[in-house]
Structure formats: C-alpha cells, structure tokens
Amino acid sequence: MPPSQSQANSSFFQPPAFLMIGIPGLEAFHGWISIPFSSMYTMALTGNCLILLAIRRTPSLHQPMYYFLSMLALSDVGLTMSTLPTTLAVLWFDQRLIGFNACLVQMFFLHSFSVVESSVLLAMAFDRFVAISNPLRYATVLTNSVIIRIGLATVARATISLFPGPFLLKRLNFCPNKIVLSHSFCFHADVMKCACADITVNILYGLYVVLSTVGVDSLLIVLSYTLILHTVMGLASPKERVRALNTCVSHILAVLVFYIPVIGVSLIHRFGRHLPHIVHALVAYVYLVVPPVLNPVIYSVKSKPIREAMLRVLRDKRQS
C-alpha cells in the first residue's frame, strides 16, 4: 500500500461514541430539571395515546379530519420517543455517552418524525380547505383510500429526504477532541460540527431538506389559508363566517406551535453561534417537547367531539 494511502487511512477517525450534554451550565440541577421533563414526556405520550384511542373507539370520529389528527398524534408519539430515552438517561442517571451509529439512527428518526409532522399539518390544511371551499364534495374528495395514500406519502417523503443524512455523516473524518454534542440527543447540525473535514455538502443537504419539506409545507399552508379566507369572505352570513373559521382554530394553533420553534431552531443554528449554549439547548427542547405536549391540549379544548371521546375512554378505563 502506498505511504500516502496508508497515512490517509490511519488519520481517518470516527468516534466510538459522542458525549451528550443535558442543559449546559445546569448539570448540578439535572435531578430537579428531570421532574418537569418527565412530566412533559408523560403528558405528551398520555395525551396523544388518548387521542388515538378516542378516535379508534368512536365511530362518529371516523372522518378525514380526525384521521389526520390520528396521524398528527402518531407523529408526536414518534417524536417524543425519539428523544425520551437519551434525555432522561442524561437527566436521571448522568448516562451521557451515545454510540456513533446509535446517534445516527436517533438523528434519522428524530428528523423523520419532524418532517412527517410538517407533512401532516399540510394535509390537515388541505382538509380544511376542501371542507370549507367545497363541502358538498368533501366526502368524495377525501375518501379512505386517498387518506391512506396521503399517509403513506408523508412517510415515504420523510424517509427519502432523511435517508442520505447518516451516510453523508459517516463519510466524514471526525476530531478526537470534538465529541461533545450540545444537547441530550443527536441533531444533524450538531453532529456535523464535530467533524474535522469540509462539511459543505452536509450543510447544503441540510438546507435542501429544510427548504424542500418544512419550507415548502409552510408556504403551502399559508396558501391554503389564503384561499380559505377568500372563500369565507364570500359567505353572506357573518355567523357562517365565524362558524367556518372556528373549525380552523385548532389547526392554526397546532401550526404555530410547530413552526415557530422550527424557525427558531433554524435561525439559531445558522446565525446564533455567538449565543450561550443554554439558549441553543432550550430552543431545541421547546421544538421537540412542547408541540407533542400542547397538541392534545389544543384539540381537547377546542374540539368538543374529541374532548367527549377522550373523557369516555377515561371513564371506560376506570370502570374496567
């Protein structure tokens, strides 16, 4: 083997594990911090599983709007489960190491469920557009087969978009002295900064994924609501306008709860390098933990059929 090739092989390094940080500067308080985190994870899993059970057990909720809500709840469960093991391991037991390959797997699922959630929110915006602009054709446009195809398309889109990510990271040469991650889970932007190599391809890939998924979805959601408003303003009765817009409130809140933290994370990773590490950590936790917690609250408060179905499930559990 030529000396130059041997030297290149010997200098290539991939860490066996990364070192995760919980909340920088507050390591001494991780035990106390774990209490609100455990509560939020419990609320997220309980609330979203209740929604799934309520929709499954209530025949009157077997409608397109609630099928899409089930998809949203499933993506929230997936997003929660992606970060729960490592976050609680760091906060409870100070288990801060995560294997290199395990980190890439977690990163793939974390970002995949995020893209799925964005896609589902877009599908829900389309659902509201069809329901308001063409209510007579609602049942014929959004049939069960169409909803199934939309669900499969969201999963396929996320998988295809995120599949190259781990392989683009595995080709990089990493620094032995740069194995500390800024969070208690693996973010693409966080992992690639540990490399001692040109990461231009990874940066462009990350930018492409964000723009082609969350970026496109957000623009299409805005377009959907522009068309919805145009339709609503054409209704003769003010009472009908209010009733039509009221059916969109829950979805609008869910969109804001998801996209505002996403925008915050993207801006901080691109332009907030001078900010303290704790700011990066807190914004990331808000992005990953808060939407799964708030979505069940939003829909149970704003949607009477969902609220009643969830209470019925709880009563049945107590009686059994």
C-alpha atoms as a PDB file:
ATOM      1  CA  MET A   1       0.000   0.000   0.000  1.00  0.00           C
ATOM      2  CA  PRO A   2       1.436   3.424  -0.887  1.00  0.00           C
ATOM      3  CA  PRO A   3       2.520   5.519   2.113  1.00  0.00           C
ATOM      4  CA  SER A   4       0.103   8.352   1.300  1.00  0.00           C
ATOM      5  CA  GLN A   5      -2.867   5.947   1.220  1.00  0.00           C
ATOM      6  CA  SER A   6      -1.773   4.286   4.473  1.00  0.00           C
ATOM      7  CA  GLN A   7      -1.445   7.677   6.129  1.00  0.00           C
ATOM      8  CA  ALA A   8      -4.894   8.710   4.901  1.00  0.00           C
ATOM      9  CA  ASN A   9      -6.468   5.528   6.314  1.00  0.00           C
ATOM     10  CA  SER A  10      -4.721   5.902   9.679  1.00  0.00           C
ATOM     11  CA  SER A  11      -5.793   9.540  10.007  1.00  0.00           C
ATOM     12  CA  PHE A  12      -9.475   8.810   9.360  1.00  0.00           C
ATOM     13  CA  PHE A  13     -11.337   8.864  12.664  1.00  0.00           C
ATOM     14  CA  GLN A  14     -14.893   8.209  13.723  1.00  0.00           C
ATOM     15  CA  PRO A  15     -15.620   8.416  17.447  1.00  0.00           C
ATOM     16  CA  PRO A  16     -16.963   5.250  19.062  1.00  0.00           C
ATOM     17  CA  ALA A  17     -19.386   7.492  20.960  1.00  0.00           C
ATOM     18  CA  PHE A  18     -20.463  11.094  21.441  1.00  0.00           C
ATOM     19  CA  LEU A  19     -20.797  12.854  24.776  1.00  0.00           C
ATOM     20  CA  MET A  20     -24.223  14.435  25.276  1.00  0.00           C
ATOM     21  CA  ILE A  21     -24.960  17.476  27.405  1.00  0.00           C
ATOM     22  CA  GLY A  22     -28.277  17.986  29.168  1.00  0.00           C
ATOM     23  CA  ILE A  23     -28.619  21.695  29.830  1.00  0.00           C
ATOM     24  CA  PRO A  24     -25.204  23.402  29.740  1.00  0.00           C
ATOM     25  CA  GLY A  25     -24.225  25.094  32.996  1.00  0.00           C
ATOM     26  CA  LEU A  26     -27.016  23.439  34.958  1.00  0.00           C
ATOM     27  CA  GLU A  27     -25.563  19.944  35.280  1.00  0.00           C
ATOM     28  CA  ALA A  28     -25.775  20.123  39.085  1.00  0.00           C
ATOM     29  CA  PHE A  29     -29.548  20.604  38.839  1.00  0.00           C
ATOM     30  CA  HIS A  30     -30.295  17.821  36.359  1.00  0.00           C
ATOM     31  CA  GLY A  31     -32.128  15.838  39.031  1.00  0.00           C
ATOM     32  CA  TRP A  32     -34.580  18.676  39.594  1.00  0.00           C
ATOM     33  CA  ILE A  33     -34.800  19.532  35.903  1.00  0.00           C
ATOM     34  CA  SER A  34     -35.764  15.916  35.175  1.00  0.00           C
ATOM     35  CA  ILE A  35     -39.071  16.418  37.034  1.00  0.00           C
ATOM     36  CA  PRO A  36     -40.663  18.862  34.540  1.00  0.00           C
ATOM     37  CA  PHE A  37     -39.153  16.926  31.629  1.00  0.00           C
ATOM     38  CA  SER A  38     -40.583  13.629  32.900  1.00  0.00           C
ATOM     39  CA  SER A  39     -43.952  15.322  33.410  1.00  0.00           C
ATOM     40  CA  MET A  40     -43.950  16.739  29.869  1.00  0.00           C
ATOM     41  CA  TYR A  41     -42.972  13.404  28.308  1.00  0.00           C
ATOM     42  CA  THR A  42     -45.738  11.683  30.318  1.00  0.00           C
ATOM     43  CA  MET A  43     -48.275  14.309  29.243  1.00  0.00           C
ATOM     44  CA  ALA A  44     -47.227  14.012  25.597  1.00  0.00           C
ATOM     45  CA  LEU A  45     -47.481  10.227  25.481  1.00  0.00           C
ATOM     46  CA  THR A  46     -50.684  10.059  27.540  1.00  0.00           C
ATOM     47  CA  GLY A  47     -52.446  12.836  25.635  1.00  0.00           C
ATOM     48  CA  ASN A  48     -51.584  11.560  22.158  1.00  0.00           C
ATOM     49  CA  CYS A  49     -52.363   7.929  23.011  1.00  0.00           C
ATOM     50  CA  LEU A  50     -55.725   9.081  24.428  1.00  0.00           C
ATOM     51  CA  ILE A  51     -56.491  10.840  21.143  1.00  0.00           C
ATOM     52  CA  LEU A  52     -55.634   7.690  19.183  1.00  0.00           C
ATOM     53  CA  LEU A  53     -57.815   5.512  21.427  1.00  0.00           C
ATOM     54  CA  ALA A  54     -60.675   8.021  21.377  1.00  0.00           C
ATOM     55  CA  ILE A  55     -60.742   8.196  17.580  1.00  0.00           C
ATOM     56  CA  ARG A  56     -60.413   4.441  17.191  1.00  0.00           C
ATOM     57  CA  ARG A  57     -63.265   3.657  19.612  1.00  0.00           C
ATOM     58  CA  THR A  58     -65.686   6.358  18.431  1.00  0.00           C
ATOM     59  CA  PRO A  59     -67.327   5.545  15.076  1.00  0.00           C
ATOM     60  CA  SER A  60     -68.600   9.117  14.683  1.00  0.00           C
ATOM     61  CA  LEU A  61     -64.963  10.294  14.579  1.00  0.00           C
ATOM     62  CA  HIS A  62     -64.095   8.060  11.636  1.00  0.00           C
ATOM     63  CA  GLN A  63     -63.886  11.065   9.338  1.00  0.00           C
ATOM     64  CA  PRO A  64     -60.996  12.591   7.325  1.00  0.00           C
ATOM     65  CA  MET A  65     -60.375  15.428   9.795  1.00  0.00           C
ATOM     66  CA  TYR A  66     -59.908  13.003  12.685  1.00  0.00           C
ATOM     67  CA  TYR A  67     -57.893  10.517  10.642  1.00  0.00           C
ATOM     68  CA  PHE A  68     -55.400  13.325  10.006  1.00  0.00           C
ATOM     69  CA  LEU A  69     -55.472  14.153  13.724  1.00  0.00           C
ATOM     70  CA  SER A  70     -54.557  10.495  14.392  1.00  0.00           C
ATOM     71  CA  MET A  71     -51.572  10.881  12.061  1.00  0.00           C
ATOM     72  CA  LEU A  72     -50.538  14.015  13.952  1.00  0.00           C
ATOM     73  CA  ALA A  73     -50.806  12.163  17.268  1.00  0.00           C
ATOM     74  CA  LEU A  74     -48.738   9.255  15.897  1.00  0.00           C
ATOM     75  CA  SER A  75     -46.002  11.603  14.674  1.00  0.00           C
ATOM     76  CA  ASP A  76     -45.983  13.309  18.099  1.00  0.00           C
ATOM     77  CA  VAL A  77     -45.584   9.930  19.821  1.00  0.00           C
ATOM     78  CA  GLY A  78     -42.715   9.094  17.462  1.00  0.00           C
ATOM     79  CA  LEU A  79     -41.049  12.467  18.029  1.00  0.00           C
ATOM     80  CA  THR A  80     -41.358  12.047  21.802  1.00  0.00           C
ATOM     81  CA  MET A  81     -39.979   8.507  21.790  1.00  0.00           C
ATOM     82  CA  SER A  82     -37.032   9.604  19.625  1.00  0.00           C
ATOM     83  CA  THR A  83     -35.606  11.850  22.341  1.00  0.00           C
ATOM     84  CA  LEU A  84     -37.064  10.416  25.572  1.00  0.00           C
ATOM     85  CA  PRO A  85     -34.508   7.599  26.225  1.00  0.00           C
ATOM     86  CA  THR A  86     -31.355   9.699  25.900  1.00  0.00           C
ATOM     87  CA  THR A  87     -32.780  12.829  27.534  1.00  0.00           C
ATOM     88  CA  LEU A  88     -33.972  11.014  30.636  1.00  0.00           C
ATOM     89  CA  ALA A  89     -30.775   8.921  30.724  1.00  0.00           C
ATOM     90  CA  VAL A  90     -28.742  12.133  30.899  1.00  0.00           C
ATOM     91  CA  LEU A  91     -31.005  13.863  33.427  1.00  0.00           C
ATOM     92  CA  TRP A  92     -31.724  10.864  35.673  1.00  0.00           C
ATOM     93  CA  PHE A  93     -28.582   8.751  35.554  1.00  0.00           C
ATOM     94  CA  ASP A  94     -25.931  11.056  34.033  1.00  0.00           C
ATOM     95  CA  GLN A  95     -25.504   8.482  31.224  1.00  0.00           C
ATOM     96  CA  ARG A  96     -24.092  10.888  28.677  1.00  0.00           C
ATOM     97  CA  LEU A  97     -22.491   8.587  26.097  1.00  0.00           C
ATOM     98  CA  ILE A  98     -24.261   7.543  22.910  1.00  0.00           C
ATOM     99  CA  GLY A  99     -22.662   5.263  20.323  1.00  0.00           C
ATOM    100  CA  PHE A 100     -21.797   6.741  16.931  1.00  0.00           C
ATOM    101  CA  ASN A 101     -24.206   4.529  14.965  1.00  0.00           C
ATOM    102  CA  ALA A 102     -26.913   4.831  17.627  1.00  0.00           C
ATOM    103  CA  CYS A 103     -26.583   8.606  17.342  1.00  0.00           C
ATOM    104  CA  LEU A 104     -27.110   8.472  13.569  1.00  0.00           C
ATOM    105  CA  VAL A 105     -30.156   6.237  13.996  1.00  0.00           C
ATOM    106  CA  GLN A 106     -31.675   8.602  16.570  1.00  0.00           C
ATOM    107  CA  MET A 107     -30.937  11.573  14.308  1.00  0.00           C
ATOM    108  CA  PHE A 108     -32.688   9.874  11.383  1.00  0.00           C
ATOM    109  CA  PHE A 109     -35.868   9.109  13.335  1.00  0.00           C
ATOM    110  CA  LEU A 110     -35.926  12.471  15.111  1.00  0.00           C
ATOM    111  CA  HIS A 111     -35.772  14.455  11.870  1.00  0.00           C
ATOM    112  CA  SER A 112     -38.032  11.979  10.034  1.00  0.00           C
ATOM    113  CA  PHE A 113     -40.864  12.358  12.543  1.00  0.00           C
ATOM    114  CA  SER A 114     -40.424  16.120  12.363  1.00  0.00           C
ATOM    115  CA  VAL A 115     -40.849  16.035   8.565  1.00  0.00           C
ATOM    116  CA  VAL A 116     -43.846  13.688   8.932  1.00  0.00           C
ATOM    117  CA  GLU A 117     -45.464  16.141  11.355  1.00  0.00           C
ATOM    118  CA  SER A 118     -44.923  19.018   8.942  1.00  0.00           C
ATOM    119  CA  SER A 119     -46.459  16.970   6.119  1.00  0.00           C
ATOM    120  CA  VAL A 120     -49.464  16.015   8.255  1.00  0.00           C
ATOM    121  CA  LEU A 121     -50.082  19.664   9.157  1.00  0.00           C
ATOM    122  CA  LEU A 122     -50.088  20.444   5.427  1.00  0.00           C
ATOM    123  CA  ALA A 123     -52.557  17.591   4.809  1.00  0.00           C
ATOM    124  CA  MET A 124     -54.782  18.989   7.589  1.00  0.00           C
ATOM    125  CA  ALA A 125     -54.687  22.419   5.919  1.00  0.00           C
ATOM    126  CA  PHE A 126     -55.820  20.790   2.660  1.00  0.00           C
ATOM    127  CA  ASP A 127     -58.585  19.019   4.604  1.00  0.00           C
ATOM    128  CA  ARG A 128     -59.843  22.359   5.982  1.00  0.00           C
ATOM    129  CA  PHE A 129     -59.636  23.951   2.516  1.00  0.00           C
ATOM    130  CA  VAL A 130     -61.771  21.218   0.925  1.00  0.00           C
ATOM    131  CA  ALA A 131     -64.254  21.212   3.830  1.00  0.00           C
ATOM    132  CA  ILE A 132     -64.820  24.968   3.626  1.00  0.00           C
ATOM    133  CA  SER A 133     -64.491  25.703  -0.090  1.00  0.00           C
ATOM    134  CA  ASN A 134     -66.333  22.645  -1.418  1.00  0.00           C
ATOM    135  CA  PRO A 135     -68.261  20.953   1.426  1.00  0.00           C
ATOM    136  CA  LEU A 136     -70.572  19.004  -0.885  1.00  0.00           C
ATOM    137  CA  ARG A 137     -67.619  17.159  -2.439  1.00  0.00           C
ATOM    138  CA  TYR A 138     -65.686  16.744   0.856  1.00  0.00           C
ATOM    139  CA  ALA A 139     -66.561  13.063   1.335  1.00  0.00           C
ATOM    140  CA  THR A 140     -65.885  12.201  -2.309  1.00  0.00           C
ATOM    141  CA  VAL A 141     -62.523  14.032  -2.452  1.00  0.00           C
ATOM    142  CA  LEU A 142     -61.104  12.741   0.837  1.00  0.00           C
ATOM    143  CA  THR A 143     -62.043   9.071   0.666  1.00  0.00           C
ATOM    144  CA  ASN A 144     -60.396   6.454   2.867  1.00  0.00           C
ATOM    145  CA  SER A 145     -58.133   5.344   0.028  1.00  0.00           C
ATOM    146  CA  VAL A 146     -56.994   8.937  -0.590  1.00  0.00           C
ATOM    147  CA  ILE A 147     -56.257   9.414   3.122  1.00  0.00           C
ATOM    148  CA  ILE A 148     -54.234   6.184   3.206  1.00  0.00           C
ATOM    149  CA  ARG A 149     -52.223   7.319   0.178  1.00  0.00           C
ATOM    150  CA  ILE A 150     -51.577  10.694   1.811  1.00  0.00           C
ATOM    151  CA  GLY A 151     -50.374   8.940   4.972  1.00  0.00           C
ATOM    152  CA  LEU A 152     -48.038   6.651   3.025  1.00  0.00           C
ATOM    153  CA  ALA A 153     -46.750   9.620   1.007  1.00  0.00           C
ATOM    154  CA  THR A 154     -45.835  11.536   4.179  1.00  0.00           C
ATOM    155  CA  VAL A 155     -43.835   8.568   5.496  1.00  0.00           C
ATOM    156  CA  ALA A 156     -42.156   7.953   2.124  1.00  0.00           C
ATOM    157  CA  ARG A 157     -41.283  11.623   1.752  1.00  0.00           C
ATOM    158  CA  ALA A 158     -39.649  11.757   5.189  1.00  0.00           C
ATOM    159  CA  THR A 159     -37.748   8.511   4.637  1.00  0.00           C
ATOM    160  CA  ILE A 160     -36.420   9.502   1.208  1.00  0.00           C
ATOM    161  CA  SER A 161     -35.485  13.011   2.389  1.00  0.00           C
ATOM    162  CA  LEU A 162     -33.621  11.877   5.523  1.00  0.00           C
ATOM    163  CA  PHE A 163     -32.117   8.592   4.309  1.00  0.00           C
ATOM    164  CA  PRO A 164     -28.893  10.139   2.891  1.00  0.00           C
ATOM    165  CA  GLY A 165     -28.164  12.056   6.123  1.00  0.00           C
ATOM    166  CA  PRO A 166     -26.470   9.307   8.174  1.00  0.00           C
ATOM    167  CA  PHE A 167     -24.364   8.173   5.198  1.00  0.00           C
ATOM    168  CA  LEU A 168     -23.181  11.713   4.479  1.00  0.00           C
ATOM    169  CA  LEU A 169     -22.028  11.938   8.106  1.00  0.00           C
ATOM    170  CA  LYS A 170     -20.346   8.510   8.097  1.00  0.00           C
ATOM    171  CA  ARG A 171     -18.021   9.590   5.278  1.00  0.00           C
ATOM    172  CA  LEU A 172     -16.635  12.472   7.375  1.00  0.00           C
ATOM    173  CA  ASN A 173     -13.411  12.467   9.343  1.00  0.00           C
ATOM    174  CA  PHE A 174     -14.112  13.497  12.947  1.00  0.00           C
ATOM    175  CA  CYS A 175     -11.877  15.163  15.514  1.00  0.00           C
ATOM    176  CA  PRO A 176     -10.912  13.022  18.529  1.00  0.00           C
ATOM    177  CA  ASN A 177     -11.206  16.106  20.754  1.00  0.00           C
ATOM    178  CA  LYS A 178     -14.609  17.198  19.388  1.00  0.00           C
ATOM    179  CA  ILE A 179     -17.112  14.598  20.538  1.00  0.00           C
ATOM    180  CA  VAL A 180     -19.350  16.762  22.730  1.00  0.00           C
ATOM    181  CA  LEU A 181     -22.893  17.400  21.494  1.00  0.00           C
ATOM    182  CA  SER A 182     -24.875  20.472  22.558  1.00  0.00           C
ATOM    183  CA  HIS A 183     -27.999  18.511  23.515  1.00  0.00           C
ATOM    184  CA  SER A 184     -29.096  15.242  25.085  1.00  0.00           C
ATOM    185  CA  PHE A 185     -29.965  13.891  21.628  1.00  0.00           C
ATOM    186  CA  CYS A 186     -28.447  13.906  18.149  1.00  0.00           C
ATOM    187  CA  PHE A 187     -29.204  16.803  15.789  1.00  0.00           C
ATOM    188  CA  HIS A 188     -27.815  16.770  12.246  1.00  0.00           C
ATOM    189  CA  ALA A 189     -26.438  20.312  12.570  1.00  0.00           C
ATOM    190  CA  ASP A 190     -24.889  19.427  15.934  1.00  0.00           C
ATOM    191  CA  VAL A 191     -23.224  16.188  14.815  1.00  0.00           C
ATOM    192  CA  MET A 192     -21.693  17.571  11.625  1.00  0.00           C
ATOM    193  CA  LYS A 193     -19.984  20.375  13.584  1.00  0.00           C
ATOM    194  CA  CYS A 194     -17.875  17.705  15.315  1.00  0.00           C
ATOM    195  CA  ALA A 195     -16.199  16.830  12.010  1.00  0.00           C
ATOM    196  CA  CYS A 196     -12.643  17.855  11.098  1.00  0.00           C
ATOM    197  CA  ALA A 197     -13.449  17.924   7.399  1.00  0.00           C
ATOM    198  CA  ASP A 198     -15.193  20.003   4.772  1.00  0.00           C
ATOM    199  CA  ILE A 199     -18.902  19.860   5.648  1.00  0.00           C
ATOM    200  CA  THR A 200     -20.157  21.987   2.748  1.00  0.00           C
ATOM    201  CA  VAL A 201     -22.077  19.033   1.267  1.00  0.00           C
ATOM    202  CA  ASN A 202     -23.713  18.338   4.640  1.00  0.00           C
ATOM    203  CA  ILE A 203     -24.675  21.989   5.077  1.00  0.00           C
ATOM    204  CA  LEU A 204     -26.200  22.147   1.587  1.00  0.00           C
ATOM    205  CA  TYR A 205     -28.003  18.848   2.170  1.00  0.00           C
ATOM    206  CA  GLY A 206     -29.438  20.094   5.473  1.00  0.00           C
ATOM    207  CA  LEU A 207     -30.558  23.337   3.853  1.00  0.00           C
ATOM    208  CA  TYR A 208     -32.162  21.419   0.979  1.00  0.00           C
ATOM    209  CA  VAL A 209     -34.103  19.144   3.363  1.00  0.00           C
ATOM    210  CA  VAL A 210     -35.385  22.080   5.422  1.00  0.00           C
ATOM    211  CA  LEU A 211     -36.443  24.106   2.373  1.00  0.00           C
ATOM    212  CA  SER A 212     -37.968  21.175   0.457  1.00  0.00           C
ATOM    213  CA  THR A 213     -40.005  19.903   3.415  1.00  0.00           C
ATOM    214  CA  VAL A 214     -40.754  22.398   6.173  1.00  0.00           C
ATOM    215  CA  GLY A 215     -40.192  25.397   3.882  1.00  0.00           C
ATOM    216  CA  VAL A 216     -42.482  24.161   1.109  1.00  0.00           C
ATOM    217  CA  ASP A 217     -45.095  22.918   3.609  1.00  0.00           C
ATOM    218  CA  SER A 218     -45.272  26.253   5.415  1.00  0.00           C
ATOM    219  CA  LEU A 219     -45.751  28.145   2.126  1.00  0.00           C
ATOM    220  CA  LEU A 220     -48.499  25.752   1.015  1.00  0.00           C
ATOM    221  CA  ILE A 221     -50.230  26.067   4.399  1.00  0.00           C
ATOM    222  CA  VAL A 222     -50.185  29.863   4.044  1.00  0.00           C
ATOM    223  CA  LEU A 223     -51.586  29.486   0.501  1.00  0.00           C
ATOM    224  CA  SER A 224     -54.334  27.151   1.801  1.00  0.00           C
ATOM    225  CA  TYR A 225     -55.421  29.653   4.418  1.00  0.00           C
ATOM    226  CA  THR A 226     -55.322  32.493   1.903  1.00  0.00           C
ATOM    227  CA  LEU A 227     -57.772  30.531  -0.243  1.00  0.00           C
ATOM    228  CA  ILE A 228     -59.836  29.627   2.833  1.00  0.00           C
ATOM    229  CA  LEU A 229     -60.095  33.299   3.826  1.00  0.00           C
ATOM    230  CA  HIS A 230     -61.098  34.221   0.277  1.00  0.00           C
ATOM    231  CA  THR A 231     -63.868  31.603   0.428  1.00  0.00           C
ATOM    232  CA  VAL A 232     -65.015  32.642   3.913  1.00  0.00           C
ATOM    233  CA  MET A 233     -65.178  36.322   2.981  1.00  0.00           C
ATOM    234  CA  GLY A 234     -67.546  35.329   0.181  1.00  0.00           C
ATOM    235  CA  LEU A 235     -70.088  33.873   2.616  1.00  0.00           C
ATOM    236  CA  ALA A 236     -73.149  36.066   3.060  1.00  0.00           C
ATOM    237  CA  SER A 237     -73.819  35.471   6.757  1.00  0.00           C
ATOM    238  CA  PRO A 238     -71.336  36.695   9.434  1.00  0.00           C
ATOM    239  CA  LYS A 239     -72.428  33.758  11.579  1.00  0.00           C
ATOM    240  CA  GLU A 240     -71.433  31.336   8.806  1.00  0.00           C
ATOM    241  CA  ARG A 241     -68.040  33.052   8.508  1.00  0.00           C
ATOM    242  CA  VAL A 242     -67.364  32.671  12.215  1.00  0.00           C
ATOM    243  CA  ARG A 243     -68.500  29.041  12.172  1.00  0.00           C
ATOM    244  CA  ALA A 244     -66.248  28.249   9.195  1.00  0.00           C
ATOM    245  CA  LEU A 245     -63.190  29.941  10.725  1.00  0.00           C
ATOM    246  CA  ASN A 246     -63.849  28.308  14.086  1.00  0.00           C
ATOM    247  CA  THR A 247     -63.235  24.890  12.525  1.00  0.00           C
ATOM    248  CA  CYS A 248     -59.692  26.041  11.664  1.00  0.00           C
ATOM    249  CA  VAL A 249     -58.637  27.418  15.059  1.00  0.00           C
ATOM    250  CA  SER A 250     -57.215  24.145  16.425  1.00  0.00           C
ATOM    251  CA  HIS A 251     -55.182  23.553  13.283  1.00  0.00           C
ATOM    252  CA  ILE A 252     -53.865  27.119  13.190  1.00  0.00           C
ATOM    253  CA  LEU A 253     -52.695  26.787  16.811  1.00  0.00           C
ATOM    254  CA  ALA A 254     -51.029  23.436  16.039  1.00  0.00           C
ATOM    255  CA  VAL A 255     -49.259  25.013  13.049  1.00  0.00           C
ATOM    256  CA  LEU A 256     -47.968  27.895  15.196  1.00  0.00           C
ATOM    257  CA  VAL A 257     -46.858  25.555  17.992  1.00  0.00           C
ATOM    258  CA  PHE A 258     -44.835  23.506  15.484  1.00  0.00           C
ATOM    259  CA  TYR A 259     -43.443  26.082  13.057  1.00  0.00           C
ATOM    260  CA  ILE A 260     -42.414  28.858  15.456  1.00  0.00           C
ATOM    261  CA  PRO A 261     -39.901  26.601  17.311  1.00  0.00           C
ATOM    262  CA  VAL A 262     -38.735  25.130  13.962  1.00  0.00           C
ATOM    263  CA  ILE A 263     -37.951  28.613  12.675  1.00  0.00           C
ATOM    264  CA  GLY A 264     -36.247  29.440  15.988  1.00  0.00           C
ATOM    265  CA  VAL A 265     -34.008  26.350  15.833  1.00  0.00           C
ATOM    266  CA  SER A 266     -33.071  27.018  12.195  1.00  0.00           C
ATOM    267  CA  LEU A 267     -32.209  30.670  12.845  1.00  0.00           C
ATOM    268  CA  ILE A 268     -30.168  29.914  15.948  1.00  0.00           C
ATOM    269  CA  HIS A 269     -28.153  27.155  14.228  1.00  0.00           C
ATOM    270  CA  ARG A 270     -27.469  29.441  11.233  1.00  0.00           C
ATOM    271  CA  PHE A 271     -26.957  32.840  12.855  1.00  0.00           C
ATOM    272  CA  GLY A 272     -26.817  32.375  16.641  1.00  0.00           C
ATOM    273  CA  ARG A 273     -23.384  30.865  17.118  1.00  0.00           C
ATOM    274  CA  HIS A 274     -22.449  33.706  19.489  1.00  0.00           C
ATOM    275  CA  LEU A 275     -25.394  32.918  21.789  1.00  0.00           C
ATOM    276  CA  PRO A 276     -24.818  30.937  25.021  1.00  0.00           C
ATOM    277  CA  HIS A 277     -25.111  27.140  24.711  1.00  0.00           C
ATOM    278  CA  ILE A 278     -28.056  27.140  27.095  1.00  0.00           C
ATOM    279  CA  VAL A 279     -30.103  29.159  24.576  1.00  0.00           C
ATOM    280  CA  HIS A 280     -29.411  26.566  21.858  1.00  0.00           C
ATOM    281  CA  ALA A 281     -30.408  23.757  24.228  1.00  0.00           C
ATOM    282  CA  LEU A 282     -33.623  25.376  25.442  1.00  0.00           C
ATOM    283  CA  VAL A 283     -34.850  26.275  21.943  1.00  0.00           C
ATOM    284  CA  ALA A 284     -34.189  22.700  20.790  1.00  0.00           C
ATOM    285  CA  TYR A 285     -36.122  21.281  23.752  1.00  0.00           C
ATOM    286  CA  VAL A 286     -39.038  23.629  23.043  1.00  0.00           C
ATOM    287  CA  TYR A 287     -39.033  22.460  19.392  1.00  0.00           C
ATOM    288  CA  LEU A 288     -39.059  18.750  20.271  1.00  0.00           C
ATOM    289  CA  VAL A 289     -41.014  18.541  23.534  1.00  0.00           C
ATOM    290  CA  VAL A 290     -43.590  21.335  23.513  1.00  0.00           C
ATOM    291  CA  PRO A 291     -45.635  20.502  20.339  1.00  0.00           C
ATOM    292  CA  PRO A 292     -46.351  16.880  21.409  1.00  0.00           C
ATOM    293  CA  VAL A 293     -47.457  18.205  24.807  1.00  0.00           C
ATOM    294  CA  LEU A 294     -49.651  21.046  23.526  1.00  0.00           C
ATOM    295  CA  ASN A 295     -51.335  19.404  20.525  1.00  0.00           C
ATOM    296  CA  PRO A 296     -53.564  17.093  22.634  1.00  0.00           C
ATOM    297  CA  VAL A 297     -54.404  20.055  24.893  1.00  0.00           C
ATOM    298  CA  ILE A 298     -55.322  22.250  21.917  1.00  0.00           C
ATOM    299  CA  TYR A 299     -57.579  19.653  20.303  1.00  0.00           C
ATOM    300  CA  SER A 300     -59.218  18.525  23.552  1.00  0.00           C
ATOM    301  CA  VAL A 301     -60.040  22.128  24.482  1.00  0.00           C
ATOM    302  CA  LYS A 302     -61.145  23.388  21.052  1.00  0.00           C
ATOM    303  CA  SER A 303     -62.848  20.240  19.714  1.00  0.00           C
ATOM    304  CA  LYS A 304     -65.903  19.102  21.677  1.00  0.00           C
ATOM    305  CA  PRO A 305     -66.188  15.695  19.909  1.00  0.00           C
ATOM    306  CA  ILE A 306     -62.538  14.892  20.722  1.00  0.00           C
ATOM    307  CA  ARG A 307     -62.908  16.068  24.317  1.00  0.00           C
ATOM    308  CA  GLU A 308     -66.020  13.960  24.879  1.00  0.00           C
ATOM    309  CA  ALA A 309     -64.449  10.891  23.258  1.00  0.00           C
ATOM    310  CA  MET A 310     -61.293  11.230  25.400  1.00  0.00           C
ATOM    311  CA  LEU A 311     -63.391  11.546  28.587  1.00  0.00           C
ATOM    312  CA  ARG A 312     -65.371   8.471  27.522  1.00  0.00           C
ATOM    313  CA  VAL A 313     -62.143   6.464  27.145  1.00  0.00           C
ATOM    314  CA  LEU A 314     -61.020   7.550  30.621  1.00  0.00           C
ATOM    315  CA  ARG A 315     -64.393   6.602  32.148  1.00  0.00           C
ATOM    316  CA  ASP A 316     -64.265   3.193  30.471  1.00  0.00           C
ATOM    317  CA  LYS A 317     -60.758   2.626  31.853  1.00  0.00           C
ATOM    318  CA  ARG A 318     -61.904   3.448  35.388  1.00  0.00           C
ATOM    319  CA  GLN A 319     -64.937   1.187  35.172  1.00  0.00           C
ATOM    320  CA  SER A 320     -62.893  -1.741  33.870  1.00  0.00           C
END
